[in-house]
Amino acid sequence: DDPYLRERGWEDWQFDLMPIGRTKLFSKLKDYIIILVEEGGVNKGYVARCTLTKEQIQEAGKYAPPRYKNEGGVDFAKILGGLGEVTSETKTVIIVEGLFDKTNVDKQLQLNLDPRVKCLYTFGKKLSEAQVEKLKRTGIKNVIFLYDPDAVNEVKRYGTLLKSFANVYAGFLKDKDPGDLSVDELEKILDEMEEIDVFSVNKVQKRIL
């Protein structure tokens, strides 16, 4: 259990799904919740999320801690978060950028109850050759991208790459990350998702002026 994660809406089963904790042994992780990243039953490292409020971070100024720390002496570009949840029954995977995007999608869609659909995360808006190969080996049939609103171009590029072995779709997130969506918002995006070729024609990356 953890009060910070409860405030973010975590449910009992999510605490059972992932190894979670805090530590007093390292000062650099004093204000972080730590979630181990496992692949093939082996601990590869950890994702640490700062639990300070926005106000506390702003008050720290130039000494403000980073929001996330991904460490463990491993190349996270070669890991697909959540891959261990994929089974022979899984036909569809939803791909998001980060761990907390995944945990919200899991909760809102109750994916713990549906072995046919699982949510994976890529540690940012990128998909490496190693991650693509691991995804291909799962034998999944459908891939749905739900990347953040600033990753339209990345979705187009990676979606086209995955077409060689899966049906690829993309949901368009206008102004929220997957980690902030309600169940109604998420279901609306999935209802309106497009096949990747159609998405590539219809959607344009927002530009910051």
C-alpha atoms as a PDB file:
ATOM      1  CA  ASP A   1       0.000   0.000   0.000  1.00  0.00           C
ATOM      2  CA  ASP A   2       1.054   3.631  -0.384  1.00  0.00           C
ATOM      3  CA  PRO A   3      -0.838   6.910   0.226  1.00  0.00           C
ATOM      4  CA  TYR A   4       0.631   8.615  -2.847  1.00  0.00           C
ATOM      5  CA  LEU A   5      -0.482   5.833  -5.174  1.00  0.00           C
ATOM      6  CA  ARG A   6      -3.886   5.647  -3.487  1.00  0.00           C
ATOM      7  CA  GLU A   7      -4.332   9.348  -4.261  1.00  0.00           C
ATOM      8  CA  ARG A   8      -3.591   8.515  -7.892  1.00  0.00           C
ATOM      9  CA  GLY A   9      -6.370   5.941  -7.812  1.00  0.00           C
ATOM     10  CA  TRP A  10      -4.415   2.706  -7.572  1.00  0.00           C
ATOM     11  CA  GLU A  11      -6.468  -0.349  -6.664  1.00  0.00           C
ATOM     12  CA  ASP A  12      -5.542  -3.365  -4.531  1.00  0.00           C
ATOM     13  CA  TRP A  13      -4.742  -5.648  -7.475  1.00  0.00           C
ATOM     14  CA  GLN A  14      -2.240  -3.154  -8.869  1.00  0.00           C
ATOM     15  CA  PHE A  15      -0.154  -3.384  -5.706  1.00  0.00           C
ATOM     16  CA  ASP A  16      -0.131  -7.160  -6.123  1.00  0.00           C
ATOM     17  CA  LEU A  17       0.885  -6.939  -9.792  1.00  0.00           C
ATOM     18  CA  MET A  18       4.114  -4.950  -9.372  1.00  0.00           C
ATOM     19  CA  PRO A  19       6.935  -4.950  -6.779  1.00  0.00           C
ATOM     20  CA  ILE A  20       6.620  -1.506  -5.151  1.00  0.00           C
ATOM     21  CA  GLY A  21       8.407   0.180  -2.277  1.00  0.00           C
ATOM     22  CA  ARG A  22      10.300   3.095  -0.793  1.00  0.00           C
ATOM     23  CA  THR A  23      13.783   3.333   0.648  1.00  0.00           C
ATOM     24  CA  LYS A  24      15.668   5.290   3.320  1.00  0.00           C
ATOM     25  CA  LEU A  25      19.015   3.870   2.244  1.00  0.00           C
ATOM     26  CA  PHE A  26      19.700   6.330  -0.572  1.00  0.00           C
ATOM     27  CA  SER A  27      19.135  10.075  -0.136  1.00  0.00           C
ATOM     28  CA  LYS A  28      18.571  10.537  -3.882  1.00  0.00           C
ATOM     29  CA  LEU A  29      15.420   8.413  -3.590  1.00  0.00           C
ATOM     30  CA  LYS A  30      14.109   9.969  -0.373  1.00  0.00           C
ATOM     31  CA  ASP A  31      10.950  11.408  -1.948  1.00  0.00           C
ATOM     32  CA  TYR A  32      10.308   8.692  -4.514  1.00  0.00           C
ATOM     33  CA  ILE A  33       8.044   5.696  -4.877  1.00  0.00           C
ATOM     34  CA  ILE A  34      10.041   2.873  -6.486  1.00  0.00           C
ATOM     35  CA  ILE A  35       8.625   0.249  -8.846  1.00  0.00           C
ATOM     36  CA  LEU A  36      10.843  -2.583 -10.023  1.00  0.00           C
ATOM     37  CA  VAL A  37      10.931  -3.365 -13.724  1.00  0.00           C
ATOM     38  CA  GLU A  38      10.985  -7.098 -14.404  1.00  0.00           C
ATOM     39  CA  GLU A  39      11.352  -9.015 -17.648  1.00  0.00           C
ATOM     40  CA  GLY A  40      11.406 -12.772 -17.927  1.00  0.00           C
ATOM     41  CA  GLY A  41      11.204 -13.039 -14.153  1.00  0.00           C
ATOM     42  CA  VAL A  42      14.428 -11.024 -13.770  1.00  0.00           C
ATOM     43  CA  ASN A  43      14.681  -7.597 -12.133  1.00  0.00           C
ATOM     44  CA  LYS A  44      16.130  -5.226 -14.741  1.00  0.00           C
ATOM     45  CA  GLY A  45      16.075  -1.984 -12.791  1.00  0.00           C
ATOM     46  CA  TYR A  46      13.482   0.405 -11.451  1.00  0.00           C
ATOM     47  CA  VAL A  47      11.225   3.332 -12.261  1.00  0.00           C
ATOM     48  CA  ALA A  48      11.121   5.884  -9.440  1.00  0.00           C
ATOM     49  CA  ARG A  49       8.411   8.571  -9.363  1.00  0.00           C
ATOM     50  CA  CYS A  50       8.801  11.736  -7.278  1.00  0.00           C
ATOM     51  CA  THR A  51       5.968  12.068  -4.767  1.00  0.00           C
ATOM     52  CA  LEU A  52       6.440  15.767  -3.981  1.00  0.00           C
ATOM     53  CA  THR A  53       3.631  18.131  -4.966  1.00  0.00           C
ATOM     54  CA  LYS A  54       4.029  20.586  -7.843  1.00  0.00           C
ATOM     55  CA  GLU A  55       4.263  23.380  -5.294  1.00  0.00           C
ATOM     56  CA  GLN A  56       7.062  21.644  -3.391  1.00  0.00           C
ATOM     57  CA  ILE A  57       8.979  21.033  -6.598  1.00  0.00           C
ATOM     58  CA  GLN A  58       8.601  24.668  -7.654  1.00  0.00           C
ATOM     59  CA  GLU A  59       9.808  25.864  -4.260  1.00  0.00           C
ATOM     60  CA  ALA A  60      12.970  23.775  -4.670  1.00  0.00           C
ATOM     61  CA  GLY A  61      13.931  25.866  -7.691  1.00  0.00           C
ATOM     62  CA  LYS A  62      17.160  24.746  -9.331  1.00  0.00           C
ATOM     63  CA  TYR A  63      17.428  21.957  -6.753  1.00  0.00           C
ATOM     64  CA  ALA A  64      14.102  20.465  -7.792  1.00  0.00           C
ATOM     65  CA  PRO A  65      14.260  16.670  -8.152  1.00  0.00           C
ATOM     66  CA  PRO A  66      13.412  15.139 -11.544  1.00  0.00           C
ATOM     67  CA  ARG A  67       9.918  13.747 -11.872  1.00  0.00           C
ATOM     68  CA  TYR A  68      11.220  10.303 -12.819  1.00  0.00           C
ATOM     69  CA  LYS A  69      14.397   8.323 -12.311  1.00  0.00           C
ATOM     70  CA  ASN A  70      14.844   5.183 -14.391  1.00  0.00           C
ATOM     71  CA  GLU A  71      17.937   3.312 -13.278  1.00  0.00           C
ATOM     72  CA  GLY A  72      19.486  -0.080 -12.737  1.00  0.00           C
ATOM     73  CA  GLY A  73      22.443  -0.338 -15.093  1.00  0.00           C
ATOM     74  CA  VAL A  74      20.337  -1.528 -18.007  1.00  0.00           C
ATOM     75  CA  ASP A  75      19.341  -0.098 -21.383  1.00  0.00           C
ATOM     76  CA  PHE A  76      15.631   0.620 -20.968  1.00  0.00           C
ATOM     77  CA  ALA A  77      15.320   1.045 -24.731  1.00  0.00           C
ATOM     78  CA  LYS A  78      15.589  -2.745 -24.938  1.00  0.00           C
ATOM     79  CA  ILE A  79      12.793  -3.413 -22.431  1.00  0.00           C
ATOM     80  CA  LEU A  80       9.046  -3.462 -22.985  1.00  0.00           C
ATOM     81  CA  GLY A  81       7.319  -2.679 -19.716  1.00  0.00           C
ATOM     82  CA  GLY A  82       4.472  -5.073 -18.935  1.00  0.00           C
ATOM     83  CA  LEU A  83       5.635  -7.736 -21.389  1.00  0.00           C
ATOM     84  CA  GLY A  84       5.392 -10.418 -18.704  1.00  0.00           C
ATOM     85  CA  GLU A  85       1.610  -9.963 -18.617  1.00  0.00           C
ATOM     86  CA  VAL A  86       1.229 -11.044 -22.254  1.00  0.00           C
ATOM     87  CA  THR A  87       0.130 -14.684 -22.625  1.00  0.00           C
ATOM     88  CA  SER A  88      -0.896 -16.985 -25.453  1.00  0.00           C
ATOM     89  CA  GLU A  89      -4.435 -15.628 -25.015  1.00  0.00           C
ATOM     90  CA  THR A  90      -3.367 -12.035 -25.667  1.00  0.00           C
ATOM     91  CA  LYS A  91      -4.345 -10.850 -29.140  1.00  0.00           C
ATOM     92  CA  THR A  92      -4.147  -7.077 -28.684  1.00  0.00           C
ATOM     93  CA  VAL A  93      -1.642  -4.786 -26.974  1.00  0.00           C
ATOM     94  CA  ILE A  94      -2.042  -1.108 -26.205  1.00  0.00           C
ATOM     95  CA  ILE A  95       1.289   0.739 -26.261  1.00  0.00           C
ATOM     96  CA  VAL A  96       1.819   3.851 -24.115  1.00  0.00           C
ATOM     97  CA  GLU A  97       4.913   5.839 -23.172  1.00  0.00           C
ATOM     98  CA  GLY A  98       5.220   5.402 -19.416  1.00  0.00           C
ATOM     99  CA  LEU A  99       4.476   3.235 -16.416  1.00  0.00           C
ATOM    100  CA  PHE A 100       1.805   5.539 -14.976  1.00  0.00           C
ATOM    101  CA  ASP A 101       0.134   5.748 -18.384  1.00  0.00           C
ATOM    102  CA  LYS A 102      -0.058   1.961 -18.302  1.00  0.00           C
ATOM    103  CA  THR A 103      -1.394   1.708 -14.769  1.00  0.00           C
ATOM    104  CA  ASN A 104      -4.202   4.144 -15.549  1.00  0.00           C
ATOM    105  CA  VAL A 105      -5.155   2.348 -18.781  1.00  0.00           C
ATOM    106  CA  ASP A 106      -5.070  -0.969 -16.900  1.00  0.00           C
ATOM    107  CA  LYS A 107      -7.386   0.389 -14.230  1.00  0.00           C
ATOM    108  CA  GLN A 108      -9.849   2.242 -16.455  1.00  0.00           C
ATOM    109  CA  LEU A 109     -10.267  -0.710 -18.852  1.00  0.00           C
ATOM    110  CA  GLN A 110      -9.948  -3.372 -16.108  1.00  0.00           C
ATOM    111  CA  LEU A 111      -7.315  -5.186 -18.129  1.00  0.00           C
ATOM    112  CA  ASN A 112      -6.488  -7.378 -15.141  1.00  0.00           C
ATOM    113  CA  LEU A 113      -9.729  -9.197 -15.954  1.00  0.00           C
ATOM    114  CA  ASP A 114      -9.102  -9.591 -19.687  1.00  0.00           C
ATOM    115  CA  PRO A 115      -6.185 -11.787 -20.857  1.00  0.00           C
ATOM    116  CA  ARG A 116      -6.949 -10.885 -24.480  1.00  0.00           C
ATOM    117  CA  VAL A 117      -5.777  -7.263 -24.113  1.00  0.00           C
ATOM    118  CA  LYS A 118      -2.701  -5.959 -22.286  1.00  0.00           C
ATOM    119  CA  CYS A 119      -1.025  -2.577 -21.994  1.00  0.00           C
ATOM    120  CA  LEU A 120       2.739  -2.154 -22.511  1.00  0.00           C
ATOM    121  CA  TYR A 121       4.981   0.889 -22.111  1.00  0.00           C
ATOM    122  CA  THR A 122       8.165   1.966 -23.896  1.00  0.00           C
ATOM    123  CA  PHE A 123       9.894   4.373 -21.457  1.00  0.00           C
ATOM    124  CA  GLY A 124       9.262   7.390 -23.670  1.00  0.00           C
ATOM    125  CA  LYS A 125       7.999   8.135 -27.155  1.00  0.00           C
ATOM    126  CA  LYS A 126      10.304   5.727 -28.924  1.00  0.00           C
ATOM    127  CA  LEU A 127      10.300   2.117 -30.045  1.00  0.00           C
ATOM    128  CA  SER A 128      13.679   0.439 -30.546  1.00  0.00           C
ATOM    129  CA  GLU A 129      14.531  -2.484 -32.814  1.00  0.00           C
ATOM    130  CA  ALA A 130      14.937  -4.670 -29.728  1.00  0.00           C
ATOM    131  CA  GLN A 131      11.452  -3.723 -28.477  1.00  0.00           C
ATOM    132  CA  VAL A 132       9.957  -4.352 -31.918  1.00  0.00           C
ATOM    133  CA  GLU A 133      11.530  -7.814 -32.039  1.00  0.00           C
ATOM    134  CA  LYS A 134      10.199  -8.693 -28.582  1.00  0.00           C
ATOM    135  CA  LEU A 135       6.752  -7.511 -29.593  1.00  0.00           C
ATOM    136  CA  LYS A 136       6.900  -9.568 -32.776  1.00  0.00           C
ATOM    137  CA  ARG A 137       7.810 -12.724 -30.838  1.00  0.00           C
ATOM    138  CA  THR A 138       4.647 -12.468 -28.736  1.00  0.00           C
ATOM    139  CA  GLY A 139       2.530 -13.355 -31.776  1.00  0.00           C
ATOM    140  CA  ILE A 140      -0.002 -10.598 -31.062  1.00  0.00           C
ATOM    141  CA  LYS A 141      -2.410  -9.652 -33.847  1.00  0.00           C
ATOM    142  CA  ASN A 142      -3.293  -6.037 -33.048  1.00  0.00           C
ATOM    143  CA  VAL A 143      -1.320  -3.037 -31.786  1.00  0.00           C
ATOM    144  CA  ILE A 144      -2.955   0.175 -30.576  1.00  0.00           C
ATOM    145  CA  PHE A 145      -0.771   3.235 -30.005  1.00  0.00           C
ATOM    146  CA  LEU A 146      -1.873   5.661 -27.282  1.00  0.00           C
ATOM    147  CA  TYR A 147       1.153   7.930 -27.154  1.00  0.00           C
ATOM    148  CA  ASP A 148       1.060  11.434 -25.653  1.00  0.00           C
ATOM    149  CA  PRO A 149      -0.319  14.362 -27.718  1.00  0.00           C
ATOM    150  CA  ASP A 150       3.191  15.503 -28.744  1.00  0.00           C
ATOM    151  CA  ALA A 151       4.103  12.154 -30.335  1.00  0.00           C
ATOM    152  CA  VAL A 152       1.973  12.068 -33.494  1.00  0.00           C
ATOM    153  CA  ASN A 153       5.003  11.828 -35.782  1.00  0.00           C
ATOM    154  CA  GLU A 154       6.491   8.996 -33.730  1.00  0.00           C
ATOM    155  CA  VAL A 155       3.216   7.052 -33.888  1.00  0.00           C
ATOM    156  CA  LYS A 156       3.188   7.391 -37.674  1.00  0.00           C
ATOM    157  CA  ARG A 157       6.755   6.152 -37.981  1.00  0.00           C
ATOM    158  CA  TYR A 158       6.552   3.228 -35.560  1.00  0.00           C
ATOM    159  CA  GLY A 159       3.067   2.261 -36.614  1.00  0.00           C
ATOM    160  CA  THR A 160       4.175   1.846 -40.201  1.00  0.00           C
ATOM    161  CA  LEU A 161       7.100  -0.288 -38.998  1.00  0.00           C
ATOM    162  CA  LEU A 162       4.831  -2.699 -37.091  1.00  0.00           C
ATOM    163  CA  LYS A 163       2.489  -3.241 -40.049  1.00  0.00           C
ATOM    164  CA  SER A 164       4.714  -6.072 -41.233  1.00  0.00           C
ATOM    165  CA  PHE A 165       3.357  -8.408 -38.541  1.00  0.00           C
ATOM    166  CA  ALA A 166       0.289  -6.826 -36.914  1.00  0.00           C
ATOM    167  CA  ASN A 167      -2.803  -4.745 -37.530  1.00  0.00           C
ATOM    168  CA  VAL A 168      -1.863  -1.292 -36.263  1.00  0.00           C
ATOM    169  CA  TYR A 169      -4.199   1.413 -34.970  1.00  0.00           C
ATOM    170  CA  ALA A 170      -3.708   4.752 -33.271  1.00  0.00           C
ATOM    171  CA  GLY A 171      -5.831   6.775 -30.901  1.00  0.00           C
ATOM    172  CA  PHE A 172      -5.558  10.553 -31.066  1.00  0.00           C
ATOM    173  CA  LEU A 173      -4.981  12.220 -27.698  1.00  0.00           C
ATOM    174  CA  LYS A 174      -5.703  15.933 -28.074  1.00  0.00           C
ATOM    175  CA  ASP A 175      -4.627  17.428 -24.766  1.00  0.00           C
ATOM    176  CA  LYS A 176      -4.176  14.711 -22.131  1.00  0.00           C
ATOM    177  CA  ASP A 177      -1.720  11.918 -21.519  1.00  0.00           C
ATOM    178  CA  PRO A 178      -3.118   8.382 -21.082  1.00  0.00           C
ATOM    179  CA  GLY A 179      -2.262   8.570 -17.382  1.00  0.00           C
ATOM    180  CA  ASP A 180      -4.789  11.394 -16.920  1.00  0.00           C
ATOM    181  CA  LEU A 181      -7.746  10.022 -18.886  1.00  0.00           C
ATOM    182  CA  SER A 182     -11.047   9.004 -17.336  1.00  0.00           C
ATOM    183  CA  VAL A 183     -12.708   5.798 -18.472  1.00  0.00           C
ATOM    184  CA  ASP A 184     -15.176   7.751 -20.634  1.00  0.00           C
ATOM    185  CA  GLU A 185     -12.390   9.746 -22.297  1.00  0.00           C
ATOM    186  CA  LEU A 186     -10.335   6.619 -22.901  1.00  0.00           C
ATOM    187  CA  GLU A 187     -13.238   4.678 -24.375  1.00  0.00           C
ATOM    188  CA  LYS A 188     -14.090   7.599 -26.678  1.00  0.00           C
ATOM    189  CA  ILE A 189     -10.508   7.703 -27.982  1.00  0.00           C
ATOM    190  CA  LEU A 190     -10.544   3.950 -28.600  1.00  0.00           C
ATOM    191  CA  ASP A 191     -13.923   4.162 -30.335  1.00  0.00           C
ATOM    192  CA  GLU A 192     -12.492   6.803 -32.680  1.00  0.00           C
ATOM    193  CA  MET A 193      -9.054   5.228 -33.249  1.00  0.00           C
ATOM    194  CA  GLU A 194      -7.901   4.899 -36.838  1.00  0.00           C
ATOM    195  CA  GLU A 195      -5.954   2.345 -38.834  1.00  0.00           C
ATOM    196  CA  ILE A 196      -2.375   3.620 -39.018  1.00  0.00           C
ATOM    197  CA  ASP A 197      -2.447   4.585 -42.726  1.00  0.00           C
ATOM    198  CA  VAL A 198      -5.586   6.652 -42.183  1.00  0.00           C
ATOM    199  CA  PHE A 199      -4.148   8.181 -38.999  1.00  0.00           C
ATOM    200  CA  SER A 200      -0.960   9.155 -40.883  1.00  0.00           C
ATOM    201  CA  VAL A 201      -2.980  11.093 -43.442  1.00  0.00           C
ATOM    202  CA  ASN A 202      -5.491  12.704 -41.078  1.00  0.00           C
ATOM    203  CA  LYS A 203      -3.363  13.741 -38.090  1.00  0.00           C
ATOM    204  CA  VAL A 204      -0.720  16.459 -37.978  1.00  0.00           C
ATOM    205  CA  GLN A 205       1.831  16.978 -35.197  1.00  0.00           C
ATOM    206  CA  LYS A 206       1.058  20.069 -33.133  1.00  0.00           C
ATOM    207  CA  ARG A 207       3.741  22.721 -33.364  1.00  0.00           C
ATOM    208  CA  ILE A 208       4.793  24.898 -30.440  1.00  0.00           C
ATOM    209  CA  LEU A 209       5.075  28.500 -31.654  1.00  0.00           C
END
